[in-house]
Protein backbone atom coordinates (compact mmCIF):
# COMPACT_ATOMS: atom_id res chain seq x y z
CA MET A 1 -36.30 5.00 107.98
CA THR A 2 -32.96 5.16 109.09
CA LEU A 3 -30.60 2.60 107.14
CA TYR A 4 -28.45 1.85 110.41
CA THR A 5 -29.29 0.91 113.73
CA ARG A 6 -27.00 0.63 117.05
CA SER A 7 -26.45 -2.66 116.77
CA GLY A 8 -25.30 -2.89 113.14
CA ARG A 9 -27.30 -2.15 109.79
CA ALA A 10 -31.05 -2.65 109.50
CA ARG A 11 -32.30 -5.57 107.80
CA PRO A 12 -33.26 -4.71 104.44
CA GLN A 13 -37.04 -4.01 103.49
CA GLY A 14 -38.69 -6.27 100.98
CA GLY A 15 -36.85 -9.22 99.78
CA GLY A 16 -34.87 -9.62 97.33
CA PHE A 17 -30.62 -10.71 96.95
CA GLU A 18 -29.78 -7.43 99.78
CA LEU A 19 -32.07 -9.80 102.24
CA ALA A 20 -30.19 -12.41 101.00
CA VAL A 21 -27.05 -11.22 101.78
CA TRP A 22 -27.94 -9.73 105.22
CA TYR A 23 -29.02 -13.19 106.42
CA LEU A 24 -26.19 -14.63 105.04
CA VAL A 25 -23.61 -12.96 106.76
CA ARG A 26 -25.53 -13.03 110.13
CA LEU A 27 -25.82 -17.26 109.09
CA THR A 28 -22.09 -17.59 108.48
CA GLY A 29 -21.05 -15.57 111.83
CA LEU A 30 -23.15 -17.82 113.73
CA ALA A 31 -21.26 -20.90 111.98
CA LEU A 32 -17.86 -18.87 112.91
CA PHE A 33 -18.37 -18.80 115.85
CA VAL A 34 -19.65 -22.50 116.81
CA LEU A 35 -16.96 -23.75 113.85
CA ALA A 36 -14.52 -21.47 115.84
CA LEU A 37 -14.47 -23.37 119.21
CA ALA A 38 -14.93 -26.58 117.77
CA HIS A 39 -11.69 -25.83 116.36
CA PHE A 40 -10.14 -24.19 119.06
CA SER A 41 -11.28 -27.23 121.16
CA VAL A 42 -10.03 -29.71 118.98
CA LEU A 43 -6.92 -28.46 118.51
CA HIS A 44 -6.11 -27.59 122.12
CA PHE A 45 -7.86 -30.11 124.25
CA ILE A 46 -8.15 -33.35 122.74
CA TYR A 47 -5.09 -33.37 120.75
CA ASP A 48 -1.59 -31.78 122.70
CA PRO A 49 -0.19 -28.82 120.68
CA ALA A 50 3.31 -29.71 121.37
CA ILE A 51 2.78 -32.60 119.20
CA GLN A 52 1.29 -31.31 115.97
CA ASN A 53 3.60 -30.48 113.01
CA ALA A 54 2.40 -30.62 108.98
CA ASP A 55 2.73 -34.76 109.38
CA PHE A 56 0.05 -34.82 112.01
CA ILE A 57 -3.08 -32.74 110.52
CA ILE A 58 -1.43 -35.33 107.00
CA SER A 59 -1.90 -38.78 109.54
CA LYS A 60 -4.30 -38.16 112.04
CA ARG A 61 -6.99 -34.92 111.12
CA TRP A 62 -6.76 -34.84 107.47
CA SER A 63 -7.42 -38.95 107.53
CA SER A 64 -10.83 -38.50 108.19
CA MET A 65 -13.07 -36.87 105.65
CA PHE A 66 -15.54 -35.73 108.33
CA ILE A 67 -13.01 -33.39 109.34
CA ARG A 68 -11.77 -31.94 105.88
CA ALA A 69 -15.65 -31.32 105.54
CA ILE A 70 -15.19 -29.43 108.87
CA ASP A 71 -12.13 -27.81 108.47
CA TRP A 72 -13.28 -27.00 104.37
CA LEU A 73 -17.06 -25.29 105.89
CA PHE A 74 -14.86 -23.52 108.46
CA LEU A 75 -12.97 -22.23 105.56
CA MET A 76 -15.81 -21.32 103.64
CA SER A 77 -17.92 -19.36 106.21
CA VAL A 78 -14.65 -17.44 106.48
CA LEU A 79 -14.17 -16.24 102.73
CA VAL A 80 -18.59 -15.37 102.38
CA HIS A 81 -18.61 -13.75 105.99
CA ALA A 82 -15.21 -11.78 105.20
CA PHE A 83 -16.48 -10.55 101.14
CA LEU A 84 -19.99 -10.21 102.02
CA GLY A 85 -18.61 -7.45 104.44
CA MET A 86 -16.17 -6.15 102.24
CA ARG A 87 -19.45 -5.94 100.07
CA THR A 88 -21.14 -3.67 102.34
CA VAL A 89 -18.09 -1.77 103.34
CA VAL A 90 -17.72 -0.87 99.27
CA ASP A 91 -21.08 0.08 98.95
CA ASP A 92 -21.27 2.13 102.25
CA TYR A 93 -18.02 3.80 100.90
CA VAL A 94 -17.85 3.96 97.26
CA ARG A 95 -19.72 5.57 94.49
CA GLY A 96 -19.92 5.38 90.87
CA ARG A 97 -17.67 3.27 88.21
CA PRO A 98 -14.93 2.31 90.91
CA ARG A 99 -17.78 0.95 93.55
CA ILE A 100 -18.33 -1.36 90.18
CA ALA A 101 -15.08 -2.36 89.79
CA LEU A 102 -14.15 -3.36 93.38
CA THR A 103 -16.94 -5.07 93.91
CA MET A 104 -16.38 -7.43 90.99
CA GLY A 105 -13.03 -7.24 92.00
CA LEU A 106 -14.11 -8.70 94.92
CA TYR A 107 -16.44 -11.37 93.67
CA LEU A 108 -13.54 -12.94 91.26
CA LEU A 109 -10.81 -12.52 94.19
CA ALA A 110 -13.14 -14.36 96.10
CA PHE A 111 -14.04 -16.91 93.82
CA VAL A 112 -10.35 -17.68 93.32
CA LEU A 113 -10.03 -18.34 96.81
CA PHE A 114 -12.85 -20.41 96.77
CA ALA A 115 -11.42 -22.44 94.38
CA LEU A 116 -7.97 -22.66 95.92
CA GLY A 117 -9.46 -23.38 99.04
CA THR A 118 -11.25 -26.33 97.96
CA ILE A 119 -8.63 -27.64 95.72
CA VAL A 120 -6.18 -27.81 98.38
CA VAL A 121 -8.72 -29.76 101.11
CA ALA A 122 -10.10 -31.59 98.32
CA THR A 123 -7.20 -33.25 97.06
CA MET A 124 -4.63 -33.12 99.82
CA ARG A 125 -3.61 -36.71 100.28
CA LEU A 126 -4.60 -39.17 102.81
CA SER A 127 -1.99 -40.79 104.22
CA GLY A 128 1.42 -39.13 105.72
CA ALA A 129 3.74 -41.26 103.48
CA ALA A 130 5.94 -39.02 101.68
CA GLY A 131 6.61 -39.49 97.87
């Protein structure tokens, strides 16, 4: 059976981790489409881009935990989609020990970026007050 189709990588046979990754890449791609359109709409149609600066983000946008959650979901969708895509590229083009090292390095980098992104979104002050 062919591993690739005209529309991309074929769905893995059986189940397990590879099938979960295959579905997760597709789900995060769909989520990114919806979240990117929502993000663009809010920042360009609902609010005037001319008034947006760091104080605007802190005082207006991120004063809502709902908006923070949406931004965090957007960030995490980008991370998961990008790193699973890079995992596929490494899996396709690298063999042997370098493949294992690159894959583990990707997972480590993804974990660090996940933690840093979560810390930033979770700990940013809710008010625009300086100090």
